[in-house]
Protein backbone atom coordinates (compact mmCIF):
# COMPACT_ATOMS: atom_id res chain seq x y z
CA MET A 1 0.06 -0.25 0.12
CA THR A 2 2.79 2.34 0.88
CA ALA A 3 6.64 2.50 0.12
CA ALA A 4 8.80 1.41 3.20
CA LEU A 5 9.32 3.82 5.97
CA THR A 6 12.89 5.32 6.77
CA ASP A 7 14.80 4.90 10.03
CA SER A 8 13.98 8.92 10.51
CA ALA A 9 11.45 10.21 8.59
CA PRO A 10 7.35 9.76 9.35
CA PRO A 11 5.82 8.59 5.77
CA SER A 12 6.57 10.61 2.64
CA PRO A 13 3.97 9.23 0.35
CA GLY A 14 3.28 10.21 -3.38
CA ASP A 15 0.45 11.92 -4.91
CA GLY A 16 -2.54 9.30 -4.83
CA GLU A 17 -1.27 7.68 -2.68
CA LEU A 18 -2.54 6.73 1.27
CA THR A 19 -0.52 5.92 4.23
CA HIS A 20 -2.02 5.19 7.61
CA LEU A 21 0.54 5.35 10.77
CA GLY A 22 0.14 4.35 14.15
CA LEU A 23 1.77 6.08 16.42
CA PHE A 24 3.05 4.96 19.78
CA TYR A 25 4.66 7.42 21.87
CA ALA A 26 5.02 8.34 25.65
CA GLY A 27 5.84 11.61 26.11
CA ALA A 28 5.95 14.97 24.66
CA GLU A 29 9.02 14.21 22.98
CA GLU A 30 8.24 11.27 21.46
CA PHE A 31 4.93 12.53 20.28
CA LEU A 32 6.65 16.09 18.73
CA ALA A 33 9.69 14.05 16.80
CA THR A 34 7.13 12.05 14.21
CA THR A 35 4.40 15.08 13.94
CA VAL A 36 6.60 18.02 13.78
CA PRO A 37 8.12 16.47 10.88
CA PHE A 38 5.28 15.66 9.38
CA CYS A 39 3.53 19.04 9.85
CA ARG A 40 6.48 21.11 8.06
CA GLU A 41 7.01 18.75 5.21
CA GLY A 42 3.06 19.00 4.96
CA LEU A 43 3.45 23.00 4.97
CA ALA A 44 6.52 22.75 2.75
CA ARG A 45 3.92 21.23 0.20
CA ASP A 46 1.07 23.55 0.67
CA ASP A 47 -1.08 20.26 1.85
CA ALA A 48 -3.75 21.02 3.44
CA ILE A 49 -3.29 19.99 7.38
CA LEU A 50 -5.96 19.25 10.22
CA ALA A 51 -4.46 18.06 13.41
CA VAL A 52 -7.71 16.56 15.89
CA THR A 53 -5.66 15.59 19.35
CA THR A 54 -5.73 16.41 22.87
CA PRO A 55 -5.62 19.75 24.06
CA ALA A 56 -1.92 19.22 25.47
CA ASN A 57 -0.76 17.72 22.11
CA ILE A 58 -2.29 20.58 20.41
CA ALA A 59 -0.11 22.88 22.65
CA LEU A 60 2.74 21.23 22.16
CA LEU A 61 1.96 21.11 17.83
CA ARG A 62 1.06 24.99 18.21
CA ARG A 63 4.44 25.88 20.49
CA ALA A 64 6.95 23.33 18.44
CA LEU A 65 6.03 25.00 15.06
CA GLY A 66 5.29 28.47 16.04
CA LYS A 67 3.75 31.00 13.19
CA ALA A 68 4.03 28.26 10.63
CA SER A 69 0.67 26.19 13.28
CA THR A 70 -1.61 29.14 11.90
CA ARG A 71 -1.43 27.76 8.35
CA MET A 72 -3.10 24.18 9.69
CA GLU A 73 -6.28 23.55 11.74
CA PHE A 74 -6.95 21.94 14.80
CA ALA A 75 -9.77 20.56 16.81
CA ASP A 76 -10.12 18.56 20.20
CA ALA A 77 -10.52 15.19 20.13
CA ALA A 78 -12.82 14.41 22.28
CA GLU A 79 -15.60 16.82 20.66
CA TRP A 80 -14.51 14.78 16.96
CA TYR A 81 -14.11 11.01 18.19
CA ARG A 82 -17.73 10.18 19.52
CA MET A 83 -19.74 8.05 16.84
CA PRO A 84 -17.35 5.67 14.48
CA GLY A 85 -19.41 6.70 11.41
CA SER A 86 -19.95 10.48 12.17
CA THR A 87 -16.23 10.67 12.80
CA LEU A 88 -15.43 9.10 9.29
CA GLY A 89 -18.35 11.33 7.90
CA ALA A 90 -16.31 14.47 9.47
CA TYR A 91 -13.22 13.33 7.82
CA HIS A 92 -14.52 12.85 4.93
CA ARG A 93 -15.88 15.97 4.89
CA TRP A 94 -12.83 18.37 5.61
CA VAL A 95 -10.78 16.11 2.67
CA GLU A 96 -13.98 17.25 0.35
CA GLN A 97 -14.04 20.75 1.17
CA ARG A 98 -10.57 21.24 1.73
CA THR A 99 -9.68 19.88 -2.14
CA ALA A 100 -12.83 21.00 -4.04
CA ASP A 101 -10.83 23.67 -5.94
CA ALA A 102 -7.69 21.93 -6.14
CA PRO A 103 -8.56 17.60 -6.60
CA ASP A 104 -4.95 16.57 -6.49
CA ARG A 105 -3.80 18.88 -3.55
CA HIS A 106 -2.71 16.26 -1.04
CA VAL A 107 -4.22 16.20 2.86
CA ARG A 108 -2.58 15.38 6.05
CA LEU A 109 -4.45 14.04 9.01
CA ILE A 110 -3.32 13.95 13.04
CA GLY A 111 -6.42 12.23 13.93
CA GLU A 112 -5.74 10.62 17.67
CA PRO A 113 -8.56 8.57 19.22
CA VAL A 114 -10.35 8.49 22.10
CA TRP A 115 -10.10 5.41 23.69
CA HIS A 116 -11.12 6.18 27.91
CA GLY A 117 -14.75 5.32 29.24
CA LYS A 118 -15.23 2.48 26.15
CA ASP A 119 -16.95 -0.39 27.02
CA ALA A 120 -16.10 -3.11 25.30
CA LEU A 121 -18.16 -3.14 22.31
CA GLU A 122 -17.24 0.83 21.79
CA THR A 123 -13.61 -0.58 21.94
CA ALA A 124 -14.33 -3.15 19.33
CA GLU A 125 -15.86 -1.23 17.00
CA TRP A 126 -13.61 1.88 17.26
CA THR A 127 -10.79 -0.70 16.54
CA ARG A 128 -12.59 -1.79 13.11
CA TYR A 129 -13.23 2.08 12.50
CA GLU A 130 -9.39 2.57 12.28
CA SER A 131 -9.33 -0.89 10.21
CA ALA A 132 -11.99 0.71 7.86
CA VAL A 133 -10.12 4.00 7.18
CA ASN A 134 -7.76 1.64 5.27
CA VAL A 135 -10.45 0.93 2.71
CA ALA A 136 -12.48 4.69 2.99
CA PHE A 137 -9.65 6.39 1.75
CA ALA A 138 -8.07 4.08 -0.37
CA GLY A 139 -6.82 5.86 -3.27
CA CYS A 140 -7.20 8.76 -1.61
CA ALA A 141 -4.10 11.73 -1.82
CA ALA A 142 -3.92 11.33 2.30
CA SER A 143 -1.33 11.11 4.96
CA ILE A 144 -2.95 9.96 8.38
CA ILE A 145 -0.96 9.37 11.61
CA CYS A 146 -2.57 8.54 14.37
CA PRO A 147 -1.46 8.85 17.65
CA TYR A 148 -1.36 5.87 20.46
CA ASP A 149 -0.36 7.46 23.98
CA THR A 150 1.71 4.61 25.60
CA ARG A 151 1.69 5.68 29.41
CA ALA A 152 -2.30 5.65 29.30
CA LEU A 153 -3.63 2.89 26.97
CA PRO A 154 -4.60 -0.90 27.82
CA ASP A 155 -2.35 -3.33 26.02
CA GLY A 156 -5.53 -4.42 23.89
CA VAL A 157 -5.68 -1.44 22.55
CA LEU A 158 -1.97 -1.09 21.39
CA ALA A 159 -1.61 -4.41 19.81
CA ASP A 160 -5.19 -4.10 17.89
CA ALA A 161 -3.44 -0.41 16.88
CA ARG A 162 -0.44 -2.83 15.27
CA ARG A 163 -2.93 -4.86 13.20
CA THR A 164 -4.88 -1.64 11.89
CA HIS A 165 -2.46 0.53 10.70
CA PRO A 166 0.21 -0.57 7.77
CA GLU A 167 1.99 1.67 9.60
CA VAL A 168 4.12 2.90 12.83
CA ALA A 169 6.31 4.79 14.59
CA VAL A 170 8.10 4.40 18.03
CA GLY A 171 10.27 7.07 19.18
CA GLY A 172 10.41 8.75 15.38
CA VAL A 173 11.31 5.68 14.52
CA GLY A 174 8.93 4.52 12.02
CA ARG A 175 8.54 0.91 9.82
CA PRO A 176 6.19 -1.29 8.70
CA SER A 177 3.76 -3.17 11.18
CA GLU A 178 4.17 -6.94 11.24
CA SER A 179 0.40 -7.72 12.50
CA TYR A 180 -0.80 -5.74 10.63
CA ALA A 181 -4.55 -7.39 9.08
CA GLU A 182 -5.90 -5.96 5.93
CA PRO A 183 -9.47 -5.11 6.41
CA THR A 184 -10.57 -7.39 3.51
CA ALA A 185 -8.32 -10.53 4.87
CA GLY A 186 -10.93 -13.38 5.45
CA GLU A 187 -12.42 -13.31 8.92
CA THR A 188 -9.98 -11.08 10.71
CA TRP A 189 -12.69 -8.59 11.19
CA ARG A 190 -15.63 -10.35 11.17
CA ARG A 191 -17.20 -11.41 14.16
CA PRO A 192 -20.74 -12.88 15.30
CA LEU A 193 -22.99 -10.45 17.28
CA ALA A 194 -23.05 -11.03 20.71
CA PRO A 195 -26.67 -11.62 22.71
CA VAL A 196 -28.25 -8.82 23.69
CA VAL A 197 -29.56 -8.99 27.12
CA ALA A 198 -32.40 -7.03 27.26
CA GLU A 199 -34.22 -5.03 29.89
CA GLY A 200 -37.84 -5.55 29.31
CA GLU A 201 -39.63 -6.61 26.25
CA GLU A 202 -38.65 -6.92 22.83
CA ALA A 203 -40.47 -5.40 19.93
CA VAL A 204 -40.49 -8.62 17.13
CA MET A 205 -42.34 -7.41 13.78
CA ARG A 206 -42.00 -8.32 10.31
CA PHE A 207 -41.68 -5.95 6.91
CA GLY A 208 -41.91 -6.52 3.66
CA ALA A 209 -42.54 -4.05 0.08
CA ASP A 210 -44.31 -1.86 2.41
CA LEU A 211 -42.10 0.00 5.11
CA SER A 212 -44.71 2.38 6.64
CA PRO A 213 -45.99 -0.16 9.44
CA VAL A 214 -42.35 -1.11 9.90
CA ARG A 215 -41.23 2.89 10.68
CA THR A 216 -44.63 3.35 13.04
CA ALA A 217 -43.87 0.38 15.39
CA VAL A 218 -40.63 1.05 15.55
CA ALA A 219 -41.56 4.58 16.36
CA GLU A 220 -43.81 3.56 19.17
CA ALA A 221 -41.31 1.13 20.44
CA ALA A 222 -38.59 3.41 20.87
CA THR A 223 -40.63 5.94 22.92
CA ALA A 224 -41.79 3.17 24.83
CA LEU A 225 -37.93 2.19 25.56
CA GLY A 226 -37.24 5.86 26.40
CA LEU A 227 -36.07 6.93 23.21
CA THR A 228 -37.82 10.34 22.07
CA GLY A 229 -37.21 13.35 20.17
CA GLU A 230 -34.10 13.24 17.26
CA ARG A 231 -32.92 10.22 18.98
CA ALA A 232 -36.38 8.02 17.90
CA GLN A 233 -36.28 10.07 14.57
CA ARG A 234 -32.68 8.68 13.51
CA LEU A 235 -33.45 4.90 14.39
CA VAL A 236 -36.57 5.63 12.53
CA PHE A 237 -34.90 7.04 9.81
CA ALA A 238 -31.69 4.17 9.99
CA VAL A 239 -34.30 0.90 10.18
CA ASN A 240 -36.24 2.22 7.17
CA GLU A 241 -32.84 3.03 4.91
CA VAL A 242 -31.95 -0.87 5.55
CA ALA A 243 -35.16 -2.21 5.38
CA THR A 244 -35.63 -0.74 2.12
CA ASN A 245 -31.75 -2.29 1.19
CA ALA A 246 -32.82 -5.33 2.19
CA VAL A 247 -36.11 -5.38 -0.02
CA GLN A 248 -34.23 -4.04 -2.79
CA HIS A 249 -31.29 -6.47 -2.33
CA GLY A 250 -32.38 -9.48 -0.45
CA SER A 251 -35.48 -11.75 -0.24
CA GLY A 252 -37.77 -8.81 -0.44
CA ASP A 253 -39.02 -9.01 3.72
CA GLY A 254 -37.52 -9.24 7.19
CA ARG A 255 -37.48 -9.02 10.82
CA VAL A 256 -37.02 -6.11 13.25
CA VAL A 257 -36.33 -6.35 16.70
CA VAL A 258 -35.91 -3.65 19.37
CA ARG A 259 -34.65 -3.77 22.79
CA ARG A 260 -33.64 -1.88 25.32
CA ALA A 261 -29.98 -2.61 26.39
CA GLY A 262 -28.20 -0.82 29.25
CA GLY A 263 -28.13 3.21 28.06
CA ARG A 264 -28.74 2.15 24.43
CA VAL A 265 -31.53 1.41 22.54
CA VAL A 266 -30.80 -1.89 20.14
CA CYS A 267 -32.18 -2.54 17.01
CA ASP A 268 -31.63 -6.20 14.44
CA VAL A 269 -32.84 -6.04 11.00
CA THR A 270 -32.49 -8.82 9.68
CA SER A 271 -33.24 -10.23 6.10
CA THR A 272 -32.83 -13.89 4.12
CA GLY A 273 -30.99 -14.54 0.99
CA ARG A 274 -28.03 -14.19 -0.61
CA ASN A 275 -27.44 -10.91 0.36
CA GLU A 276 -23.71 -10.69 1.41
CA ALA A 277 -22.27 -7.61 3.49
CA ASP A 278 -18.79 -6.81 3.68
CA TRP A 279 -18.26 -5.91 8.23
CA TYR A 280 -17.28 -2.24 6.98
CA LEU A 281 -20.74 -1.87 4.75
CA GLY A 282 -21.57 1.96 5.23
CA TYR A 283 -17.86 2.85 6.00
CA LEU A 284 -17.12 3.54 2.13
CA PRO A 285 -18.18 7.29 1.37
CA PRO A 286 -20.61 6.90 -1.47
CA ASP A 287 -20.03 8.10 -5.65
CA PRO A 288 -21.42 11.25 -5.88
CA HIS A 289 -22.28 10.61 -8.99
CA GLN A 290 -24.46 8.15 -8.09
CA ARG A 291 -28.22 8.48 -7.43
CA SER A 292 -28.67 5.64 -4.68
CA GLY A 293 -26.15 3.98 -2.52
CA GLN A 294 -25.95 6.53 0.03
CA GLY A 295 -28.13 4.78 2.28
CA MET A 296 -25.94 2.25 4.49
CA TRP A 297 -23.46 5.40 4.77
CA VAL A 298 -25.92 7.64 6.44
CA VAL A 299 -27.00 4.72 8.21
CA ARG A 300 -23.70 4.53 9.72
CA GLN A 301 -23.67 7.88 10.35
CA LEU A 302 -26.65 8.25 12.36
CA CYS A 303 -26.02 5.57 14.87
CA ASP A 304 -24.25 5.72 18.04
CA LEU A 305 -22.47 1.96 16.86
CA LEU A 306 -23.49 -0.44 13.75
CA GLU A 307 -22.81 -3.75 13.61
CA VAL A 308 -22.96 -5.96 10.43
CA HIS A 309 -23.01 -9.73 10.35
CA THR A 310 -23.78 -12.24 7.15
CA ASP A 311 -24.17 -15.90 7.33
CA HIS A 312 -25.04 -18.15 4.37
CA ASP A 313 -28.68 -17.63 4.53
CA ARG A 314 -29.02 -13.99 6.04
CA THR A 315 -27.61 -10.63 6.87
CA THR A 316 -28.24 -8.62 10.53
CA VAL A 317 -27.66 -5.18 11.08
CA ARG A 318 -27.77 -4.50 14.51
CA LEU A 319 -28.18 -0.23 15.17
CA HIS A 320 -27.06 1.27 18.66
CA ILE A 321 -28.41 4.65 19.26
CA SER A 322 -27.34 5.72 23.08
CA LEU A 323 -30.23 7.20 24.80
CA THR A 324 -28.67 10.12 25.47
C-alpha cells in the first residue's frame, strides 16, 4: 500500500497514495519527533493539514511549529471522536472541502482516537473503525497519523493499533507493522453478534415491501423504551434505510427486533437471501455521481454504533442509539 519508511522520517507518500501510520508515544518528545516533521513537510508542500488530538498535544504542536501552525487546523479529539460513522463522515467532508478547488491537493491528518471510558463493544467498534480507514481512504492522496499514548492506553488497544495500521512509529522511527491485517483479509475483522441482554420486552415485527407499518411500530417501540425526539427519529430513519436495502437486494422481507440494553436502544434488522455484506458496510464514502447507494453511509453516521453480520442465508444489521 505504501513505500517502506526510513528509520528517521515520517511517511512521505506520492500523489494519490494513502499512508496510515500508528504513532506510539510515551511523552512530548516522542509525540513531536514524528508529528513535527510530518507537519513541516506538509506546510512546505502546501498540503491541507488537520490535527485532531488532545488539548495538551495541540499546545505542543503550536509551540513547536510557531507561526507556521496558523496555516494548520486543530480540533479537540474529545469533540471529534464521538461515533465511528460520524467521525469518518466528518473527516471525509473536511477532505472534500479542502480539495474542492484543487482535486490533486494532498491532505494530512493527525487523528488521535479517544479510548478512555469505552466499554468492550465500543472499543471493538472503534478498532474496526481504524481498520475501515484503510478502505474508506484507499486511493486518496492522504497521509494519516494516529497517535497512541503508551503511558495511558491498555495493552489490548495498543496491540490492535498494530493490526489496523500498515505502518507504525515508535520514538520517531517508522517501519511497516508486522501485525497489520488487511480490512478485506478473510475473517480477521468479522465477528459474530453478541447476545443482547434486553431490559424488558422486545418489540418484534416482520416487514415486506410496504415499510410504513414498520416505521410506525419502531417509533412506538423507541418511545416506550425511552428514546425520544431527534434520537427516535434517527432510529426510525436508520431502520427504514436498512429495511429498504434488504427489500431491494435481499429476499424482499425480513424481521426487526427493538429492545433496550443498558443505556442504548438496540435494533436488529435481519433479512434472508444471499445478500452478502462486508463488515465495513456504510464506511465507504458514496460516489457523488450515483443517485443511489448512499443509504448505509447515512445510517452509519446516524447511529452510535453499527454492526453487520452475514452468514450463508441471512444478514443482520444491528443499530445502537444511545438514550442520552
